[in-house]
């Protein structure tokens, strides 16, 4: 990725026990010489960037993002709606939260597994559920 603003079109799937729900979102990134910084999403943009990965990204590298240790664990080839990419898998905190980055593209996929949720139905009933949350690159616009 070269220096500058990158806008990525992503589609998220939440795989609930009660079914799958999709949500499209746009992610905003700035690629600098020393890292990639996220400026939120189309649903929640921010004025200040948060470093998501230092550059260059290499397998075996570790760093701290907020309160979590991030580790670039493996090189993997993955397929998402935007195509097939050679990526580096990054585990955040533990293996329940992972991100995949491709050189020249940026974030290609991320997933969170076994997310516990509690909601209240329109009748006031408390519903406990869990889901897997998977976000994949839908299309490239660069």
N, C-alpha and C. Protein backbone atom coordinates (compact mmCIF):
# COMPACT_ATOMS: atom_id res chain seq x y z
N UNK A 1 0.85 -1.18 0.00
CA UNK A 1 0.00 0.00 0.00
C UNK A 1 0.89 1.23 0.00
N UNK A 2 0.55 2.19 -0.81
CA UNK A 2 1.32 3.42 -0.82
C UNK A 2 0.69 4.42 0.12
N UNK A 3 1.43 5.49 0.44
CA UNK A 3 0.92 6.49 1.36
C UNK A 3 -0.36 7.12 0.83
N UNK A 4 -1.30 7.39 1.72
CA UNK A 4 -2.53 8.05 1.34
C UNK A 4 -3.75 7.43 1.98
N UNK A 5 -4.90 7.98 1.65
CA UNK A 5 -6.17 7.51 2.19
C UNK A 5 -6.65 6.31 1.38
N UNK A 6 -7.13 5.29 2.08
CA UNK A 6 -7.69 4.10 1.45
C UNK A 6 -9.10 3.92 1.99
N UNK A 7 -10.04 3.76 1.11
CA UNK A 7 -11.43 3.50 1.49
C UNK A 7 -11.75 2.08 1.07
N UNK A 8 -12.24 1.27 2.00
CA UNK A 8 -12.55 -0.12 1.69
C UNK A 8 -14.03 -0.39 1.89
N UNK A 9 -14.62 -1.07 0.92
CA UNK A 9 -16.02 -1.48 1.00
C UNK A 9 -16.08 -2.90 1.56
N UNK A 10 -16.67 -3.05 2.72
CA UNK A 10 -16.71 -4.33 3.41
C UNK A 10 -18.16 -4.77 3.59
N UNK A 11 -18.34 -6.08 3.72
CA UNK A 11 -19.65 -6.62 4.08
C UNK A 11 -19.48 -7.52 5.30
N UNK A 12 -20.31 -7.30 6.29
CA UNK A 12 -20.22 -8.05 7.54
C UNK A 12 -21.36 -9.05 7.60
N UNK A 13 -21.05 -10.24 8.07
CA UNK A 13 -22.07 -11.27 8.29
C UNK A 13 -22.05 -11.65 9.75
N UNK A 14 -23.18 -11.57 10.37
CA UNK A 14 -23.32 -12.04 11.75
C UNK A 14 -24.10 -13.34 11.69
N UNK A 15 -23.43 -14.41 12.06
CA UNK A 15 -24.05 -15.73 11.99
C UNK A 15 -24.63 -16.07 13.36
N UNK A 16 -25.88 -15.69 13.58
CA UNK A 16 -26.59 -15.95 14.82
C UNK A 16 -27.20 -17.35 14.76
N UNK A 17 -27.52 -17.86 15.92
CA UNK A 17 -28.25 -19.13 15.96
C UNK A 17 -29.57 -19.00 15.23
N UNK A 18 -30.15 -17.78 15.25
CA UNK A 18 -31.44 -17.56 14.62
C UNK A 18 -31.33 -17.20 13.14
N UNK A 19 -30.11 -17.15 12.56
CA UNK A 19 -29.95 -16.86 11.14
C UNK A 19 -28.81 -15.90 10.88
N UNK A 20 -28.57 -15.60 9.61
CA UNK A 20 -27.48 -14.74 9.19
C UNK A 20 -28.04 -13.36 8.84
N UNK A 21 -27.37 -12.32 9.31
CA UNK A 21 -27.73 -10.95 8.96
C UNK A 21 -26.50 -10.27 8.39
N UNK A 22 -26.65 -9.61 7.25
CA UNK A 22 -25.54 -8.92 6.61
C UNK A 22 -25.68 -7.42 6.78
N UNK A 23 -24.54 -6.73 6.83
CA UNK A 23 -24.49 -5.29 6.95
C UNK A 23 -23.30 -4.80 6.14
N UNK A 24 -23.54 -3.84 5.24
CA UNK A 24 -22.44 -3.28 4.48
C UNK A 24 -21.89 -2.07 5.21
N UNK A 25 -20.58 -1.89 5.12
CA UNK A 25 -19.92 -0.78 5.79
C UNK A 25 -18.72 -0.35 4.97
N UNK A 26 -18.32 0.89 5.13
CA UNK A 26 -17.12 1.41 4.50
C UNK A 26 -16.13 1.73 5.61
N UNK A 27 -14.88 1.29 5.44
CA UNK A 27 -13.83 1.55 6.41
C UNK A 27 -12.87 2.58 5.85
N UNK A 28 -12.38 3.48 6.71
CA UNK A 28 -11.47 4.54 6.28
C UNK A 28 -10.09 4.34 6.93
N UNK A 29 -9.05 4.30 6.09
CA UNK A 29 -7.68 4.10 6.58
C UNK A 29 -6.76 5.15 5.99
N UNK A 30 -5.70 5.43 6.72
CA UNK A 30 -4.60 6.23 6.19
C UNK A 30 -3.35 5.37 6.26
N UNK A 31 -2.65 5.27 5.16
CA UNK A 31 -1.42 4.50 5.11
C UNK A 31 -0.26 5.48 5.17
N UNK A 32 0.52 5.40 6.25
CA UNK A 32 1.70 6.23 6.41
C UNK A 32 2.96 5.41 6.22
N UNK A 33 4.10 6.05 6.36
CA UNK A 33 5.37 5.34 6.18
C UNK A 33 5.58 4.26 7.23
N UNK A 34 5.10 4.50 8.47
CA UNK A 34 5.38 3.59 9.57
C UNK A 34 4.20 2.74 10.01
N UNK A 35 3.02 2.96 9.41
CA UNK A 35 1.88 2.18 9.84
C UNK A 35 0.60 2.51 9.10
N UNK A 36 -0.43 1.71 9.39
CA UNK A 36 -1.77 1.91 8.84
C UNK A 36 -2.67 2.35 9.99
N UNK A 37 -3.42 3.43 9.77
CA UNK A 37 -4.26 4.02 10.80
C UNK A 37 -5.71 4.00 10.36
N UNK A 38 -6.60 3.58 11.26
CA UNK A 38 -8.03 3.51 10.96
C UNK A 38 -8.71 4.79 11.45
N UNK A 39 -9.58 5.33 10.59
CA UNK A 39 -10.36 6.53 10.91
C UNK A 39 -11.85 6.20 10.97
N UNK A 40 -12.17 5.05 11.51
CA UNK A 40 -13.56 4.67 11.71
C UNK A 40 -14.21 4.06 10.49
N UNK A 41 -15.54 4.08 10.52
CA UNK A 41 -16.35 3.47 9.46
C UNK A 41 -17.40 4.46 8.99
N UNK A 42 -18.14 4.09 7.96
CA UNK A 42 -19.23 4.95 7.50
C UNK A 42 -20.31 5.09 8.56
N UNK A 43 -20.40 4.13 9.47
CA UNK A 43 -21.38 4.19 10.56
C UNK A 43 -20.86 4.96 11.75
N UNK A 44 -19.52 5.08 11.87
CA UNK A 44 -18.91 5.74 13.02
C UNK A 44 -17.54 6.30 12.64
N UNK A 45 -17.51 7.40 11.84
CA UNK A 45 -16.21 7.98 11.45
C UNK A 45 -15.55 8.70 12.62
N UNK A 46 -14.22 8.81 12.57
CA UNK A 46 -13.47 9.51 13.61
C UNK A 46 -12.55 10.54 12.98
N UNK A 47 -12.14 11.54 13.77
CA UNK A 47 -11.21 12.56 13.31
C UNK A 47 -9.76 12.18 13.60
N UNK A 48 -9.55 11.28 14.53
CA UNK A 48 -8.20 10.84 14.87
C UNK A 48 -8.02 9.38 14.50
N UNK A 49 -6.88 9.09 13.90
CA UNK A 49 -6.60 7.73 13.50
C UNK A 49 -6.02 6.90 14.62
N UNK A 50 -6.31 5.62 14.60
CA UNK A 50 -5.76 4.66 15.53
C UNK A 50 -4.88 3.70 14.75
N UNK A 51 -3.63 3.55 15.17
CA UNK A 51 -2.75 2.63 14.46
C UNK A 51 -3.26 1.21 14.61
N UNK A 52 -3.45 0.54 13.47
CA UNK A 52 -3.89 -0.85 13.52
C UNK A 52 -2.75 -1.81 13.26
N UNK A 53 -1.81 -1.44 12.39
CA UNK A 53 -0.63 -2.27 12.20
C UNK A 53 0.58 -1.39 11.88
N UNK A 54 1.73 -1.78 12.41
CA UNK A 54 2.96 -1.10 12.01
C UNK A 54 3.42 -1.64 10.65
N UNK A 55 4.13 -0.83 9.91
CA UNK A 55 4.68 -1.28 8.63
C UNK A 55 6.20 -1.29 8.69
N UNK A 56 6.87 -2.21 8.03
CA UNK A 56 6.31 -3.30 7.25
C UNK A 56 5.79 -4.41 8.16
N UNK A 57 4.73 -5.10 7.73
CA UNK A 57 4.13 -6.20 8.48
C UNK A 57 4.81 -7.49 8.07
N UNK A 58 5.30 -8.24 9.06
CA UNK A 58 5.98 -9.50 8.80
C UNK A 58 5.52 -10.57 9.78
N UNK A 59 5.47 -11.83 9.34
CA UNK A 59 5.10 -12.95 10.20
C UNK A 59 6.09 -13.00 11.37
N UNK A 60 5.56 -13.19 12.58
CA UNK A 60 6.37 -13.25 13.79
C UNK A 60 6.42 -11.94 14.55
N UNK A 61 6.00 -10.86 13.93
CA UNK A 61 6.02 -9.54 14.54
C UNK A 61 4.91 -9.43 15.59
N UNK A 62 5.18 -8.73 16.72
CA UNK A 62 4.17 -8.48 17.76
C UNK A 62 4.19 -7.00 18.13
N UNK A 63 3.03 -6.48 18.53
CA UNK A 63 2.91 -5.10 18.97
C UNK A 63 1.67 -4.99 19.84
N UNK A 64 1.51 -3.84 20.49
CA UNK A 64 0.36 -3.59 21.36
C UNK A 64 -0.58 -2.61 20.66
N UNK A 65 -1.89 -2.96 20.61
CA UNK A 65 -2.93 -2.08 20.09
C UNK A 65 -3.93 -1.90 21.22
N UNK A 66 -3.96 -0.72 21.80
CA UNK A 66 -4.83 -0.50 22.96
C UNK A 66 -4.39 -1.38 24.11
N UNK A 67 -5.27 -2.26 24.58
CA UNK A 67 -4.95 -3.18 25.67
C UNK A 67 -4.64 -4.59 25.18
N UNK A 68 -4.46 -4.76 23.88
CA UNK A 68 -4.30 -6.10 23.33
C UNK A 68 -2.96 -6.29 22.64
N UNK A 69 -2.40 -7.48 22.82
CA UNK A 69 -1.19 -7.86 22.08
C UNK A 69 -1.63 -8.41 20.74
N UNK A 70 -1.01 -7.91 19.68
CA UNK A 70 -1.27 -8.37 18.32
C UNK A 70 -0.04 -9.14 17.84
N UNK A 71 -0.27 -10.25 17.17
CA UNK A 71 0.83 -11.05 16.64
C UNK A 71 0.51 -11.48 15.22
N UNK A 72 1.44 -11.20 14.30
CA UNK A 72 1.32 -11.67 12.92
C UNK A 72 1.76 -13.13 12.92
N UNK A 73 0.81 -14.05 12.78
CA UNK A 73 1.08 -15.46 13.05
C UNK A 73 1.46 -16.29 11.82
N UNK A 74 0.75 -16.10 10.70
CA UNK A 74 1.01 -16.96 9.53
C UNK A 74 0.73 -16.22 8.23
N UNK A 75 1.27 -16.74 7.15
CA UNK A 75 0.93 -16.28 5.81
C UNK A 75 -0.13 -17.25 5.29
N UNK A 76 -1.24 -16.71 4.77
CA UNK A 76 -2.33 -17.54 4.28
C UNK A 76 -2.91 -16.96 2.99
N UNK A 77 -3.38 -17.81 2.12
CA UNK A 77 -4.13 -17.37 0.95
C UNK A 77 -5.61 -17.54 1.27
N UNK A 78 -6.39 -16.45 1.15
CA UNK A 78 -7.82 -16.51 1.46
C UNK A 78 -8.63 -15.93 0.31
N UNK A 79 -9.87 -16.36 0.21
CA UNK A 79 -10.79 -15.88 -0.81
C UNK A 79 -11.96 -15.18 -0.13
N UNK A 80 -12.25 -13.97 -0.59
CA UNK A 80 -13.38 -13.16 -0.11
C UNK A 80 -14.13 -12.67 -1.35
N UNK A 81 -15.28 -12.00 -1.20
CA UNK A 81 -16.03 -11.55 -2.38
C UNK A 81 -15.20 -10.70 -3.37
N UNK A 82 -14.18 -9.97 -2.90
CA UNK A 82 -13.37 -9.12 -3.78
C UNK A 82 -12.29 -9.90 -4.53
N UNK A 83 -12.06 -11.18 -4.17
CA UNK A 83 -11.06 -11.98 -4.87
C UNK A 83 -10.24 -12.85 -3.92
N UNK A 84 -9.15 -13.40 -4.43
CA UNK A 84 -8.25 -14.25 -3.66
C UNK A 84 -6.97 -13.46 -3.40
N UNK A 85 -6.49 -13.49 -2.14
CA UNK A 85 -5.35 -12.67 -1.74
C UNK A 85 -4.36 -13.48 -0.91
N UNK A 86 -3.08 -13.17 -1.07
CA UNK A 86 -2.03 -13.67 -0.18
C UNK A 86 -1.99 -12.72 1.00
N UNK A 87 -2.21 -13.23 2.20
CA UNK A 87 -2.36 -12.38 3.38
C UNK A 87 -1.41 -12.79 4.50
N UNK A 88 -1.35 -11.90 5.49
CA UNK A 88 -0.73 -12.22 6.78
C UNK A 88 -1.83 -12.17 7.81
N UNK A 89 -1.98 -13.26 8.56
CA UNK A 89 -3.01 -13.35 9.60
C UNK A 89 -2.46 -12.74 10.88
N UNK A 90 -3.28 -11.87 11.50
CA UNK A 90 -2.92 -11.21 12.76
C UNK A 90 -3.92 -11.63 13.82
N UNK A 91 -3.43 -12.18 14.93
CA UNK A 91 -4.30 -12.54 16.06
C UNK A 91 -4.24 -11.40 17.07
N UNK A 92 -5.42 -10.95 17.52
CA UNK A 92 -5.52 -9.84 18.46
C UNK A 92 -5.99 -10.38 19.79
N UNK A 93 -5.15 -10.31 20.80
CA UNK A 93 -5.51 -10.77 22.13
C UNK A 93 -5.51 -12.27 22.27
N UNK A 94 -6.30 -12.93 21.46
CA UNK A 94 -6.38 -14.38 21.44
C UNK A 94 -6.88 -14.82 20.08
N UNK A 95 -7.01 -16.09 19.88
CA UNK A 95 -7.39 -16.57 18.54
C UNK A 95 -8.87 -16.37 18.22
N UNK A 96 -9.67 -15.79 19.15
CA UNK A 96 -11.08 -15.51 18.86
C UNK A 96 -11.26 -14.28 17.99
N UNK A 97 -10.22 -13.43 17.87
CA UNK A 97 -10.28 -12.22 17.06
C UNK A 97 -9.07 -12.20 16.13
N UNK A 98 -9.31 -12.30 14.82
CA UNK A 98 -8.23 -12.35 13.84
C UNK A 98 -8.51 -11.39 12.69
N UNK A 99 -7.43 -10.87 12.11
CA UNK A 99 -7.50 -10.01 10.93
C UNK A 99 -6.53 -10.54 9.89
N UNK A 100 -6.87 -10.36 8.61
CA UNK A 100 -6.00 -10.78 7.50
C UNK A 100 -5.70 -9.57 6.64
N UNK A 101 -4.42 -9.29 6.40
CA UNK A 101 -3.97 -8.14 5.61
C UNK A 101 -3.22 -8.61 4.38
N UNK A 102 -3.48 -7.97 3.23
CA UNK A 102 -2.78 -8.27 1.98
C UNK A 102 -1.98 -7.05 1.56
N UNK A 103 -0.76 -7.28 1.11
CA UNK A 103 0.08 -6.20 0.62
C UNK A 103 -0.57 -5.56 -0.59
N UNK A 104 -0.62 -4.25 -0.62
CA UNK A 104 -1.24 -3.53 -1.72
C UNK A 104 -2.74 -3.41 -1.61
N UNK A 105 -3.35 -4.05 -0.60
CA UNK A 105 -4.80 -4.02 -0.43
C UNK A 105 -5.17 -3.53 0.97
N UNK A 106 -4.49 -4.04 1.99
CA UNK A 106 -4.83 -3.71 3.37
C UNK A 106 -5.69 -4.80 3.98
N UNK A 107 -6.64 -4.40 4.82
CA UNK A 107 -7.51 -5.35 5.50
C UNK A 107 -8.40 -6.06 4.48
N UNK A 108 -8.35 -7.40 4.50
CA UNK A 108 -9.15 -8.22 3.59
C UNK A 108 -10.29 -8.90 4.33
N UNK A 109 -10.04 -9.25 5.60
CA UNK A 109 -11.05 -9.98 6.38
C UNK A 109 -10.73 -9.82 7.86
N UNK A 110 -11.79 -9.82 8.69
CA UNK A 110 -11.58 -10.03 10.11
C UNK A 110 -12.75 -10.82 10.67
N UNK A 111 -12.46 -11.52 11.76
CA UNK A 111 -13.52 -12.34 12.36
C UNK A 111 -13.39 -12.36 13.87
N UNK A 112 -14.55 -12.39 14.50
CA UNK A 112 -14.67 -12.59 15.94
C UNK A 112 -15.57 -13.79 16.12
N UNK A 113 -15.17 -14.73 16.95
CA UNK A 113 -15.99 -15.93 17.15
C UNK A 113 -16.51 -16.00 18.57
N UNK A 114 -17.66 -16.64 18.70
CA UNK A 114 -18.29 -16.89 20.00
C UNK A 114 -18.58 -15.61 20.78
N UNK A 115 -19.19 -14.62 20.13
CA UNK A 115 -19.55 -13.38 20.80
C UNK A 115 -20.87 -13.60 21.54
N UNK A 116 -20.87 -13.38 22.84
CA UNK A 116 -22.09 -13.52 23.63
C UNK A 116 -22.86 -12.20 23.61
N UNK A 117 -24.17 -12.27 23.38
CA UNK A 117 -24.99 -11.06 23.35
C UNK A 117 -26.26 -11.28 24.17
N UNK A 118 -26.80 -10.17 24.66
CA UNK A 118 -28.08 -10.19 25.35
C UNK A 118 -28.92 -9.05 24.80
N UNK A 119 -30.15 -9.35 24.37
CA UNK A 119 -31.06 -8.33 23.87
C UNK A 119 -32.41 -8.49 24.56
N UNK A 120 -33.24 -7.47 24.43
CA UNK A 120 -34.58 -7.51 25.00
C UNK A 120 -35.58 -7.47 23.85
N UNK A 121 -36.47 -8.44 23.81
CA UNK A 121 -37.47 -8.51 22.74
C UNK A 121 -38.50 -7.41 22.92
N UNK A 122 -39.31 -7.14 21.89
CA UNK A 122 -40.37 -6.13 22.01
C UNK A 122 -41.35 -6.42 23.15
N UNK A 123 -41.46 -7.69 23.54
CA UNK A 123 -42.37 -8.04 24.64
C UNK A 123 -41.67 -7.97 26.00
N UNK A 124 -40.38 -7.59 26.01
CA UNK A 124 -39.66 -7.46 27.27
C UNK A 124 -38.90 -8.71 27.69
N UNK A 125 -38.93 -9.75 26.87
CA UNK A 125 -38.22 -10.98 27.18
C UNK A 125 -36.73 -10.82 26.93
N UNK A 126 -35.88 -11.29 27.83
CA UNK A 126 -34.43 -11.23 27.67
C UNK A 126 -33.99 -12.41 26.83
N UNK A 127 -33.24 -12.10 25.76
CA UNK A 127 -32.78 -13.14 24.85
C UNK A 127 -31.26 -13.17 24.88
N UNK A 128 -30.71 -14.31 25.24
CA UNK A 128 -29.27 -14.51 25.19
C UNK A 128 -28.94 -15.28 23.92
N UNK A 129 -27.89 -14.87 23.25
CA UNK A 129 -27.51 -15.49 22.00
C UNK A 129 -26.00 -15.37 21.85
N UNK A 130 -25.46 -16.09 20.91
CA UNK A 130 -24.05 -15.92 20.57
C UNK A 130 -23.94 -15.93 19.06
N UNK A 131 -22.87 -15.33 18.55
CA UNK A 131 -22.72 -15.29 17.11
C UNK A 131 -21.25 -15.26 16.73
N UNK A 132 -21.00 -15.55 15.48
CA UNK A 132 -19.71 -15.32 14.86
C UNK A 132 -19.88 -14.11 13.97
N UNK A 133 -18.92 -13.20 14.01
CA UNK A 133 -18.98 -11.95 13.26
C UNK A 133 -17.83 -11.97 12.26
N UNK A 134 -18.16 -11.98 10.96
CA UNK A 134 -17.15 -12.08 9.92
C UNK A 134 -17.32 -10.89 8.97
N UNK A 135 -16.23 -10.17 8.74
CA UNK A 135 -16.24 -9.03 7.84
C UNK A 135 -15.24 -9.30 6.72
N UNK A 136 -15.72 -9.18 5.47
CA UNK A 136 -14.86 -9.47 4.31
C UNK A 136 -14.89 -8.31 3.32
N UNK A 137 -13.77 -8.13 2.62
CA UNK A 137 -13.68 -7.12 1.59
C UNK A 137 -14.63 -7.47 0.45
N UNK A 138 -15.55 -6.57 0.16
CA UNK A 138 -16.56 -6.80 -0.87
C UNK A 138 -16.04 -6.39 -2.24
N UNK A 139 -15.36 -5.22 -2.28
CA UNK A 139 -14.83 -4.72 -3.54
C UNK A 139 -13.68 -3.78 -3.25
N UNK A 140 -12.81 -3.63 -4.23
CA UNK A 140 -11.71 -2.68 -4.13
C UNK A 140 -12.05 -1.48 -5.00
N UNK A 141 -11.71 -0.28 -4.51
CA UNK A 141 -11.95 0.91 -5.32
C UNK A 141 -10.64 1.67 -5.53
N UNK A 142 -9.54 0.93 -5.57
CA UNK A 142 -8.22 1.55 -5.78
C UNK A 142 -7.38 0.63 -6.62
